[in-house]
Protein backbone atom coordinates (compact mmCIF):
# COMPACT_ATOMS: atom_id res chain seq x y z
CA MET A 1 -46.78 35.59 104.91
CA GLU A 2 -49.96 33.66 103.81
CA ASN A 3 -52.28 32.00 106.25
CA ALA A 4 -51.91 28.41 106.64
CA SER A 5 -55.69 27.88 106.36
CA GLN A 6 -55.45 28.32 102.80
CA TYR A 7 -53.76 24.84 102.43
CA LEU A 8 -56.85 23.15 103.91
CA ASP A 9 -59.18 21.29 101.83
CA ASP A 10 -62.78 22.14 102.70
CA ASP A 11 -64.14 18.78 101.70
CA TYR A 12 -61.76 16.47 103.67
CA ASN A 13 -59.95 19.08 105.99
CA LYS A 14 -56.71 17.73 104.99
CA VAL A 15 -53.60 19.52 104.21
CA LYS A 16 -53.08 20.21 100.49
CA LYS A 17 -49.66 20.64 98.71
CA PRO A 18 -49.06 24.34 98.31
CA ARG A 19 -48.70 25.52 94.78
CA LEU A 20 -45.21 26.20 93.58
CA LEU A 21 -45.39 29.92 92.88
CA ASP A 22 -47.21 30.31 96.25
CA GLN A 23 -44.22 28.55 97.95
CA MET A 24 -41.89 30.79 96.00
CA ARG A 25 -43.75 33.99 97.06
CA ASP A 26 -43.75 32.88 100.59
CA ARG A 27 -39.97 32.37 100.53
CA ILE A 28 -39.39 35.68 98.93
CA ARG A 29 -41.30 37.25 101.66
CA VAL A 30 -39.66 35.36 104.46
CA LYS A 31 -36.39 36.82 102.92
CA HIS A 32 -37.73 40.13 102.98
CA TYR A 33 -37.30 41.06 99.32
CA SER A 34 -39.07 44.03 97.89
CA LEU A 35 -42.44 43.85 96.34
CA ARG A 36 -41.02 44.78 93.11
CA THR A 37 -38.37 41.96 93.24
CA GLU A 38 -41.14 39.57 94.09
CA ASN A 39 -43.37 40.61 91.26
CA SER A 40 -40.38 40.49 88.97
CA TYR A 41 -39.12 37.02 89.91
CA LEU A 42 -42.67 35.66 89.65
CA ASP A 43 -43.08 37.21 86.15
CA TRP A 44 -39.69 35.68 84.96
CA VAL A 45 -40.58 32.30 86.35
CA LYS A 46 -43.97 32.31 84.70
CA ARG A 47 -42.14 33.24 81.42
CA TYR A 48 -39.79 30.50 81.91
CA ILE A 49 -42.63 27.78 82.47
CA PHE A 50 -44.59 28.95 79.43
CA PHE A 51 -41.49 29.10 77.22
CA HIS A 52 -41.23 25.23 78.12
CA ASN A 53 -44.93 24.62 77.37
CA LYS A 54 -46.05 24.62 81.03
CA ARG A 55 -43.71 21.84 81.98
CA HIS A 56 -43.02 21.66 85.90
CA PRO A 57 -39.66 23.18 86.79
CA ALA A 58 -38.79 20.02 88.69
CA GLU A 59 -38.71 18.15 85.18
CA MET A 60 -36.29 20.71 83.76
CA VAL A 61 -32.66 21.04 84.43
CA ALA A 62 -29.83 23.01 82.92
CA PRO A 63 -30.34 22.68 79.25
CA GLU A 64 -33.81 24.22 79.60
CA VAL A 65 -32.48 27.07 81.71
CA GLU A 66 -29.81 27.61 79.02
CA SER A 67 -32.30 27.54 76.21
CA PHE A 68 -34.50 30.09 77.86
CA LEU A 69 -31.55 32.46 78.39
CA THR A 70 -30.43 31.87 74.77
CA TYR A 71 -33.82 32.68 73.66
CA LEU A 72 -33.82 35.92 75.56
CA ALA A 73 -30.42 36.95 74.41
CA VAL A 74 -30.84 36.05 70.68
CA ASP A 75 -34.62 36.16 69.67
CA ARG A 76 -35.80 38.77 72.34
CA ASN A 77 -32.56 40.76 72.12
CA VAL A 78 -32.53 41.59 75.94
CA SER A 79 -29.71 43.11 77.60
CA ALA A 80 -27.11 41.16 79.80
CA SER A 81 -28.56 42.58 83.11
CA THR A 82 -32.12 41.43 81.91
CA GLN A 83 -30.69 37.99 81.41
CA ASN A 84 -28.97 38.20 84.78
CA GLN A 85 -32.37 39.06 86.40
CA ALA A 86 -34.12 36.19 84.65
CA LEU A 87 -31.32 33.86 85.82
CA ALA A 88 -31.58 35.06 89.39
CA ALA A 89 -35.23 34.48 89.47
CA ILE A 90 -34.99 30.89 88.06
CA LEU A 91 -32.19 30.11 90.64
CA PHE A 92 -34.58 31.24 93.26
CA LEU A 93 -37.35 29.05 91.79
CA TYR A 94 -35.15 26.04 92.12
CA GLU A 95 -34.02 26.82 95.68
CA ALA A 96 -37.98 27.05 96.30
CA ILE A 97 -38.47 23.59 94.62
CA ARG A 98 -35.72 22.37 96.72
CA ALA A 99 -37.16 23.50 99.97
CA LEU A 100 -40.61 22.22 98.80
CA ILE A 101 -39.34 18.75 98.19
CA ILE A 102 -37.79 18.61 101.45
CA ARG A 103 -40.95 19.84 103.32
CA ILE A 104 -43.07 17.33 101.39
CA ALA A 105 -40.58 14.48 102.43
CA LEU A 106 -40.97 15.62 105.99
CA GLY A 107 -44.64 15.99 105.80
CA CYS A 108 -44.60 19.50 106.69
CA PHE A 109 -46.16 22.31 104.45
CA SER A 110 -45.33 25.44 106.46
CA VAL A 111 -42.97 28.06 105.23
């Protein structure tokens, strides 16, 4: 798990909001997923974000997820198991976003 001091701002010694992928990585590690799963999930999430021109996932909903999975199936011609892996990563991402929103609302940034 990451050190909490990485979220301190040197100039003002204030707590900064952790980055989304860092939060996702932390949640994967808390759940004791394998390193390969961690890397795979993070890679799929990056692809998902770049597919939608770097929009924040919190701004996207079901149609964007569906369009990404359709792109994988139709244009990239990936197998069903690969689509399922991408979907699992995206669902995990949205779980991490929900947890981050709750922590921000509570003023708590720890994992």
